[in-house]
Amino acid sequence: MDFFLTTNGLYGLFLLSFLAATVLPLGSEWLLVTLIFQGLPPGQIIMVATLGNFLGGLTTYGLGFYGSTFITTKILRISTKESSRAMKLYSKYGSWSLLLSWLPIIGDPLCLIAGSLKLSLAPFTILVLIGKGARYAILAYITMQSGAVS
């Protein structure tokens, strides 16, 4: 799988970023760093990773919007504990908590809760794109500043 992803460059990054933003236990950061080391343009890498990760989050939002408790608990396997943590964050900070949608454990439930609470798509899109994009931009910047990238 690693070989497939690294040899397919931006396509592999899009796929992995999308899947990582669903409830699958995957991370896309390692591939972003790898592609920077391979010399692909950082701007393109950030945009592709952000778009893939946003669309994965949007899928989870859609499942919350149209889904049921059965989907969230039996198919997505979002635990009561994860859901409770995300709901506390969402209750405290409202839609602004979606800036944290990139975080492991609570990010996916945040998107799901936003959908289940029928949050308008415009604020969801803006906040999730900012959060996910900033994470990838910071990671790319740190990678570029490491001195190992020529």
Foldseek 3Di string as FASTA:
>chain_A
DVVVLLVVQLVSLLQQLLVVLALPVGDSLVSLLVSLQVPDDNVSSLVSSLVSNLNSLVVLLQCLQPHDPCCVCPVSNLDPVLLVVLVVLCVVPNLLCQLVLPDPSNNSSVSSVCSNVVPDPVSNSVSNSNSSSVVSVVSSVVSVVPPSHD
